């Protein structure tokens, strides 16, 4: 979907920058990037620097940055919805109604990006953008530091110590799904979408997994 939007708007000083957050190293993300054959920029962030800079907590999230380098929309869900929470876990399928609503929400987000590029609509004034930036508390900062330490420990043959640090990182910052999912995949391939993931999702109750963008 991003390739189509980029192809449409690239002559209007527009660029999509997609960043893969991948603690397992660049080789795990590179095949997906090469398969996509996109014309827009695709980067791999094995150290989660982008998450630290913008306080990202899930994927996909997007940040809108104008040609002057100013954030005009802080991190927000990029067109994804919580319809997946109603899927049949045995067949991994969703109802036609949920699929249609999910696609409509994705299209609405792409239309909002298009409107911003062409008309400036949806861009927030500087004060509003600043007010809506997610706040980095000392607890969140400690969580991210512990996560990076956990990845380093695992990479240096100290898996048990690393897992302990990453578990503490998730405890300190439970809203950071990206940290939990990365740690889960380091521990066991596929675990990030397995039963433990669904238990965490179900424990959210009425709280959204993907908070909708306020467009």
C-alpha atoms as a PDB file:
ATOM      1  CA  UNK A   1       0.000   0.000   0.000  1.00  0.00           C
ATOM      2  CA  UNK A   2       2.871   2.390   0.728  1.00  0.00           C
ATOM      3  CA  UNK A   3       4.473   1.747  -2.655  1.00  0.00           C
ATOM      4  CA  UNK A   4       1.292   2.800  -4.440  1.00  0.00           C
ATOM      5  CA  UNK A   5       0.994   5.953  -2.339  1.00  0.00           C
ATOM      6  CA  UNK A   6       4.641   6.826  -2.842  1.00  0.00           C
ATOM      7  CA  UNK A   7       4.396   6.323  -6.600  1.00  0.00           C
ATOM      8  CA  UNK A   8       1.432   8.683  -6.660  1.00  0.00           C
ATOM      9  CA  UNK A   9       2.978  11.418  -4.521  1.00  0.00           C
ATOM     10  CA  UNK A  10       6.743  11.216  -5.064  1.00  0.00           C
ATOM     11  CA  UNK A  11       6.689  14.251  -7.359  1.00  0.00           C
ATOM     12  CA  UNK A  12       5.245  16.331  -4.510  1.00  0.00           C
ATOM     13  CA  UNK A  13       8.361  16.245  -2.319  1.00  0.00           C
ATOM     14  CA  UNK A  14       7.058  13.177  -0.468  1.00  0.00           C
ATOM     15  CA  UNK A  15       9.062  10.226   0.812  1.00  0.00           C
ATOM     16  CA  UNK A  16       8.082   7.133   2.754  1.00  0.00           C
ATOM     17  CA  UNK A  17      10.750   5.881   5.157  1.00  0.00           C
ATOM     18  CA  UNK A  18       9.968   2.392   6.449  1.00  0.00           C
ATOM     19  CA  UNK A  19      12.059   1.124   9.350  1.00  0.00           C
ATOM     20  CA  UNK A  20      12.187  -2.505  10.444  1.00  0.00           C
ATOM     21  CA  UNK A  21      12.884  -2.918  14.163  1.00  0.00           C
ATOM     22  CA  UNK A  22      14.765  -6.215  14.313  1.00  0.00           C
ATOM     23  CA  UNK A  23      16.781  -7.288  17.354  1.00  0.00           C
ATOM     24  CA  UNK A  24      17.817 -10.531  15.665  1.00  0.00           C
ATOM     25  CA  UNK A  25      19.992  -8.589  13.220  1.00  0.00           C
ATOM     26  CA  UNK A  26      19.698  -7.137   9.755  1.00  0.00           C
ATOM     27  CA  UNK A  27      19.741 -10.513   7.996  1.00  0.00           C
ATOM     28  CA  UNK A  28      16.319 -11.372   9.461  1.00  0.00           C
ATOM     29  CA  UNK A  29      14.647  -8.284   7.990  1.00  0.00           C
ATOM     30  CA  UNK A  30      16.561  -7.971   4.733  1.00  0.00           C
ATOM     31  CA  UNK A  31      14.741 -10.741   2.772  1.00  0.00           C
ATOM     32  CA  UNK A  32      11.371  -9.052   3.396  1.00  0.00           C
ATOM     33  CA  UNK A  33      12.748  -5.733   2.192  1.00  0.00           C
ATOM     34  CA  UNK A  34      14.311  -7.243  -0.911  1.00  0.00           C
ATOM     35  CA  UNK A  35      11.099  -9.115  -1.711  1.00  0.00           C
ATOM     36  CA  UNK A  36       9.063  -5.888  -1.508  1.00  0.00           C
ATOM     37  CA  UNK A  37      11.235  -4.183  -4.164  1.00  0.00           C
ATOM     38  CA  UNK A  38      10.011  -0.781  -3.012  1.00  0.00           C
ATOM     39  CA  UNK A  39      11.123   2.522  -4.513  1.00  0.00           C
ATOM     40  CA  UNK A  40      10.869   4.298  -1.168  1.00  0.00           C
ATOM     41  CA  UNK A  41      13.487   4.067   1.559  1.00  0.00           C
ATOM     42  CA  UNK A  42      13.563   0.954   3.743  1.00  0.00           C
ATOM     43  CA  UNK A  43      15.915   0.829   6.711  1.00  0.00           C
ATOM     44  CA  UNK A  44      16.747  -1.772   9.362  1.00  0.00           C
ATOM     45  CA  UNK A  45      17.147  -0.703  12.986  1.00  0.00           C
ATOM     46  CA  UNK A  46      18.709  -3.568  14.908  1.00  0.00           C
ATOM     47  CA  UNK A  47      19.302  -1.406  18.001  1.00  0.00           C
ATOM     48  CA  UNK A  48      15.817   0.119  18.265  1.00  0.00           C
ATOM     49  CA  UNK A  49      17.156   3.659  18.124  1.00  0.00           C
ATOM     50  CA  UNK A  50      14.022   4.866  16.367  1.00  0.00           C
ATOM     51  CA  UNK A  51      11.822   3.543  19.157  1.00  0.00           C
ATOM     52  CA  UNK A  52      13.944   5.396  21.689  1.00  0.00           C
ATOM     53  CA  UNK A  53      13.903   8.660  19.736  1.00  0.00           C
ATOM     54  CA  UNK A  54      10.148   8.752  19.122  1.00  0.00           C
ATOM     55  CA  UNK A  55       8.909   6.562  21.986  1.00  0.00           C
ATOM     56  CA  UNK A  56       7.271   4.070  19.628  1.00  0.00           C
ATOM     57  CA  UNK A  57       5.426   1.195  21.270  1.00  0.00           C
ATOM     58  CA  UNK A  58       4.029  -0.972  18.467  1.00  0.00           C
ATOM     59  CA  UNK A  59       4.088  -1.674  14.754  1.00  0.00           C
ATOM     60  CA  UNK A  60       2.969  -0.266  12.484  1.00  0.00           C
ATOM     61  CA  UNK A  61       3.266   3.259  13.820  1.00  0.00           C
ATOM     62  CA  UNK A  62       3.960   6.369  11.785  1.00  0.00           C
ATOM     63  CA  UNK A  63       5.376   9.835  12.403  1.00  0.00           C
ATOM     64  CA  UNK A  64       4.649  12.641   9.943  1.00  0.00           C
ATOM     65  CA  UNK A  65       7.614  14.970   9.392  1.00  0.00           C
ATOM     66  CA  UNK A  66       7.386  17.972   7.077  1.00  0.00           C
ATOM     67  CA  UNK A  67       9.999  19.276   4.645  1.00  0.00           C
ATOM     68  CA  UNK A  68      11.481  21.498   7.379  1.00  0.00           C
ATOM     69  CA  UNK A  69      12.110  18.463   9.599  1.00  0.00           C
ATOM     70  CA  UNK A  70       9.279  19.366  12.002  1.00  0.00           C
ATOM     71  CA  UNK A  71       7.019  16.666  13.446  1.00  0.00           C
ATOM     72  CA  UNK A  72       3.480  17.540  12.388  1.00  0.00           C
ATOM     73  CA  UNK A  73       1.869  14.366  13.673  1.00  0.00           C
ATOM     74  CA  UNK A  74       3.449  12.462  16.590  1.00  0.00           C
ATOM     75  CA  UNK A  75       3.599   8.644  16.624  1.00  0.00           C
ATOM     76  CA  UNK A  76       0.241   7.032  15.957  1.00  0.00           C
ATOM     77  CA  UNK A  77      -1.175   3.780  14.615  1.00  0.00           C
ATOM     78  CA  UNK A  78      -0.695   3.738  10.842  1.00  0.00           C
ATOM     79  CA  UNK A  79      -4.018   2.383   9.619  1.00  0.00           C
ATOM     80  CA  UNK A  80      -4.162  -0.842  11.615  1.00  0.00           C
ATOM     81  CA  UNK A  81      -7.197  -1.753  13.706  1.00  0.00           C
ATOM     82  CA  UNK A  82      -8.260  -4.108  16.477  1.00  0.00           C
ATOM     83  CA  UNK A  83     -10.470  -6.206  14.207  1.00  0.00           C
ATOM     84  CA  UNK A  84      -7.861  -8.980  14.386  1.00  0.00           C
ATOM     85  CA  UNK A  85      -8.848  -9.542  18.009  1.00  0.00           C
ATOM     86  CA  UNK A  86     -12.086 -11.153  16.824  1.00  0.00           C
ATOM     87  CA  UNK A  87     -10.462 -13.595  14.436  1.00  0.00           C
ATOM     88  CA  UNK A  88     -10.956 -17.342  14.666  1.00  0.00           C
ATOM     89  CA  UNK A  89      -7.659 -18.468  16.184  1.00  0.00           C
ATOM     90  CA  UNK A  90      -7.994 -21.980  14.792  1.00  0.00           C
ATOM     91  CA  UNK A  91      -8.342 -20.872  11.180  1.00  0.00           C
ATOM     92  CA  UNK A  92      -6.695 -17.439  11.585  1.00  0.00           C
ATOM     93  CA  UNK A  93      -9.548 -15.891   9.619  1.00  0.00           C
ATOM     94  CA  UNK A  94     -11.759 -12.865  10.182  1.00  0.00           C
ATOM     95  CA  UNK A  95     -15.347 -12.297   9.183  1.00  0.00           C
ATOM     96  CA  UNK A  96     -15.978 -10.531   5.855  1.00  0.00           C
ATOM     97  CA  UNK A  97     -17.415  -7.574   7.789  1.00  0.00           C
ATOM     98  CA  UNK A  98     -14.290  -7.201   9.927  1.00  0.00           C
ATOM     99  CA  UNK A  99     -12.049  -7.541   6.895  1.00  0.00           C
ATOM    100  CA  UNK A 100     -13.991  -4.823   5.083  1.00  0.00           C
ATOM    101  CA  UNK A 101     -13.858  -2.472   8.071  1.00  0.00           C
ATOM    102  CA  UNK A 102     -10.147  -3.094   8.497  1.00  0.00           C
ATOM    103  CA  UNK A 103      -9.468  -2.280   4.846  1.00  0.00           C
ATOM    104  CA  UNK A 104     -11.641   0.827   5.075  1.00  0.00           C
ATOM    105  CA  UNK A 105      -9.668   2.079   8.084  1.00  0.00           C
ATOM    106  CA  UNK A 106      -6.391   1.479   6.277  1.00  0.00           C
ATOM    107  CA  UNK A 107      -7.648   3.361   3.225  1.00  0.00           C
ATOM    108  CA  UNK A 108      -8.849   6.237   5.398  1.00  0.00           C
ATOM    109  CA  UNK A 109      -5.367   6.579   6.848  1.00  0.00           C
ATOM    110  CA  UNK A 110      -3.743   6.557   3.418  1.00  0.00           C
ATOM    111  CA  UNK A 111      -6.258   9.161   2.262  1.00  0.00           C
ATOM    112  CA  UNK A 112      -5.283  11.317   5.241  1.00  0.00           C
ATOM    113  CA  UNK A 113      -1.601  11.107   4.281  1.00  0.00           C
ATOM    114  CA  UNK A 114      -2.525  12.019   0.711  1.00  0.00           C
ATOM    115  CA  UNK A 115      -4.547  15.019   1.904  1.00  0.00           C
ATOM    116  CA  UNK A 116      -1.649  16.200   4.056  1.00  0.00           C
ATOM    117  CA  UNK A 117       0.831  16.040   1.184  1.00  0.00           C
ATOM    118  CA  UNK A 118      -1.478  17.803  -1.270  1.00  0.00           C
ATOM    119  CA  UNK A 119      -3.295  20.322   0.940  1.00  0.00           C
ATOM    120  CA  UNK A 120      -1.603  20.340   4.348  1.00  0.00           C
ATOM    121  CA  UNK A 121      -4.713  18.963   6.019  1.00  0.00           C
ATOM    122  CA  UNK A 122      -4.284  16.963   9.260  1.00  0.00           C
ATOM    123  CA  UNK A 123      -0.903  18.563  10.077  1.00  0.00           C
ATOM    124  CA  UNK A 124      -0.918  19.800  13.671  1.00  0.00           C
ATOM    125  CA  UNK A 125       0.345  23.228  14.730  1.00  0.00           C
ATOM    126  CA  UNK A 126       3.689  23.112  16.533  1.00  0.00           C
ATOM    127  CA  UNK A 127       2.179  23.525  20.027  1.00  0.00           C
ATOM    128  CA  UNK A 128      -0.413  20.798  19.455  1.00  0.00           C
ATOM    129  CA  UNK A 129       2.158  18.415  17.987  1.00  0.00           C
ATOM    130  CA  UNK A 130       4.446  19.007  20.954  1.00  0.00           C
ATOM    131  CA  UNK A 131       1.603  18.470  23.411  1.00  0.00           C
ATOM    132  CA  UNK A 132       0.724  15.136  21.793  1.00  0.00           C
ATOM    133  CA  UNK A 133       4.234  13.738  21.760  1.00  0.00           C
ATOM    134  CA  UNK A 134       4.378  10.653  24.008  1.00  0.00           C
ATOM    135  CA  UNK A 135       6.128  11.448  27.277  1.00  0.00           C
ATOM    136  CA  UNK A 136       9.261   9.494  28.188  1.00  0.00           C
ATOM    137  CA  UNK A 137       9.129   8.859  31.918  1.00  0.00           C
ATOM    138  CA  UNK A 138      12.110   7.622  33.965  1.00  0.00           C
ATOM    139  CA  UNK A 139      10.382   4.230  34.075  1.00  0.00           C
ATOM    140  CA  UNK A 140      10.117   4.089  30.280  1.00  0.00           C
ATOM    141  CA  UNK A 141      13.744   5.175  29.891  1.00  0.00           C
ATOM    142  CA  UNK A 142      14.836   2.411  32.275  1.00  0.00           C
ATOM    143  CA  UNK A 143      12.697  -0.105  30.380  1.00  0.00           C
ATOM    144  CA  UNK A 144      14.396   0.679  27.075  1.00  0.00           C
ATOM    145  CA  UNK A 145      17.850   0.568  28.660  1.00  0.00           C
ATOM    146  CA  UNK A 146      17.116  -2.831  30.180  1.00  0.00           C
ATOM    147  CA  UNK A 147      15.820  -4.105  26.848  1.00  0.00           C
ATOM    148  CA  UNK A 148      19.021  -3.073  25.046  1.00  0.00           C
ATOM    149  CA  UNK A 149      21.070  -4.677  27.818  1.00  0.00           C
ATOM    150  CA  UNK A 150      19.036  -7.868  27.481  1.00  0.00           C
ATOM    151  CA  UNK A 151      19.662  -8.039  23.740  1.00  0.00           C
ATOM    152  CA  UNK A 152      23.380  -7.469  24.305  1.00  0.00           C
ATOM    153  CA  UNK A 153      23.566 -10.183  26.961  1.00  0.00           C
ATOM    154  CA  UNK A 154      21.828 -12.702  24.720  1.00  0.00           C
ATOM    155  CA  UNK A 155      24.143 -11.835  21.836  1.00  0.00           C
ATOM    156  CA  UNK A 156      27.096 -12.561  24.108  1.00  0.00           C
ATOM    157  CA  UNK A 157      25.954 -15.983  25.267  1.00  0.00           C
ATOM    158  CA  UNK A 158      24.222 -14.946  28.486  1.00  0.00           C
ATOM    159  CA  UNK A 159      20.645 -15.778  27.526  1.00  0.00           C
ATOM    160  CA  UNK A 160      19.248 -16.273  31.049  1.00  0.00           C
ATOM    161  CA  UNK A 161      20.525 -12.878  32.191  1.00  0.00           C
ATOM    162  CA  UNK A 162      19.290 -11.273  28.990  1.00  0.00           C
ATOM    163  CA  UNK A 163      15.801 -12.758  29.334  1.00  0.00           C
ATOM    164  CA  UNK A 164      15.610 -11.457  32.896  1.00  0.00           C
ATOM    165  CA  UNK A 165      16.442  -7.936  31.760  1.00  0.00           C
ATOM    166  CA  UNK A 166      13.912  -8.026  28.925  1.00  0.00           C
ATOM    167  CA  UNK A 167      11.189  -9.365  31.204  1.00  0.00           C
ATOM    168  CA  UNK A 168      11.838  -6.454  33.537  1.00  0.00           C
ATOM    169  CA  UNK A 169      11.723  -4.086  30.554  1.00  0.00           C
ATOM    170  CA  UNK A 170       8.216  -5.315  29.687  1.00  0.00           C
ATOM    171  CA  UNK A 171       7.121  -5.054  33.305  1.00  0.00           C
ATOM    172  CA  UNK A 172       8.288  -1.442  33.489  1.00  0.00           C
ATOM    173  CA  UNK A 173       6.677  -0.494  30.171  1.00  0.00           C
ATOM    174  CA  UNK A 174       3.782  -2.907  29.507  1.00  0.00           C
ATOM    175  CA  UNK A 175       2.404  -0.729  26.694  1.00  0.00           C
ATOM    176  CA  UNK A 176       5.557  -1.300  24.629  1.00  0.00           C
ATOM    177  CA  UNK A 177       4.337  -4.244  22.588  1.00  0.00           C
ATOM    178  CA  UNK A 178       7.300  -3.969  20.253  1.00  0.00           C
ATOM    179  CA  UNK A 179       9.695  -4.710  23.124  1.00  0.00           C
ATOM    180  CA  UNK A 180       7.697  -7.729  24.248  1.00  0.00           C
ATOM    181  CA  UNK A 181       7.332  -9.112  20.724  1.00  0.00           C
ATOM    182  CA  UNK A 182      11.026  -8.677  19.950  1.00  0.00           C
ATOM    183  CA  UNK A 183      11.982 -10.426  23.183  1.00  0.00           C
ATOM    184  CA  UNK A 184       9.517 -13.229  22.455  1.00  0.00           C
ATOM    185  CA  UNK A 185      10.984 -13.839  18.995  1.00  0.00           C
ATOM    186  CA  UNK A 186      14.504 -13.883  20.417  1.00  0.00           C
ATOM    187  CA  UNK A 187      13.377 -16.536  22.867  1.00  0.00           C
ATOM    188  CA  UNK A 188      11.466 -18.684  20.372  1.00  0.00           C
ATOM    189  CA  UNK A 189      10.628 -18.133  16.714  1.00  0.00           C
ATOM    190  CA  UNK A 190       6.882 -17.614  16.341  1.00  0.00           C
ATOM    191  CA  UNK A 191       6.286 -16.981  20.033  1.00  0.00           C
ATOM    192  CA  UNK A 192       5.486 -13.325  19.350  1.00  0.00           C
ATOM    193  CA  UNK A 193       2.231 -14.379  17.662  1.00  0.00           C
ATOM    194  CA  UNK A 194       1.552 -17.492  19.721  1.00  0.00           C
ATOM    195  CA  UNK A 195      -0.564 -18.271  22.811  1.00  0.00           C
ATOM    196  CA  UNK A 196       1.389 -15.942  25.121  1.00  0.00           C
ATOM    197  CA  UNK A 197       0.719 -13.041  22.760  1.00  0.00           C
ATOM    198  CA  UNK A 198      -2.998 -13.762  22.653  1.00  0.00           C
ATOM    199  CA  UNK A 199      -3.171 -14.010  26.441  1.00  0.00           C
ATOM    200  CA  UNK A 200      -1.627 -10.547  26.669  1.00  0.00           C
ATOM    201  CA  UNK A 201      -4.060  -9.195  24.090  1.00  0.00           C
ATOM    202  CA  UNK A 202      -7.065 -10.707  25.860  1.00  0.00           C
ATOM    203  CA  UNK A 203      -5.858  -9.204  29.138  1.00  0.00           C
ATOM    204  CA  UNK A 204      -6.277  -5.740  27.600  1.00  0.00           C
ATOM    205  CA  UNK A 205     -10.031  -5.949  28.061  1.00  0.00           C
ATOM    206  CA  UNK A 206     -11.547  -2.768  26.625  1.00  0.00           C
ATOM    207  CA  UNK A 207      -8.147  -1.131  26.165  1.00  0.00           C
ATOM    208  CA  UNK A 208      -7.137  -0.998  22.467  1.00  0.00           C
ATOM    209  CA  UNK A 209      -4.134  -2.788  21.074  1.00  0.00           C
ATOM    210  CA  UNK A 210      -4.064  -0.309  18.195  1.00  0.00           C
ATOM    211  CA  UNK A 211      -5.348   3.065  19.439  1.00  0.00           C
ATOM    212  CA  UNK A 212      -6.975   4.662  16.378  1.00  0.00           C
ATOM    213  CA  UNK A 213      -5.328   7.761  14.942  1.00  0.00           C
ATOM    214  CA  UNK A 214      -7.182  10.965  15.809  1.00  0.00           C
ATOM    215  CA  UNK A 215      -7.579  12.379  12.327  1.00  0.00           C
END
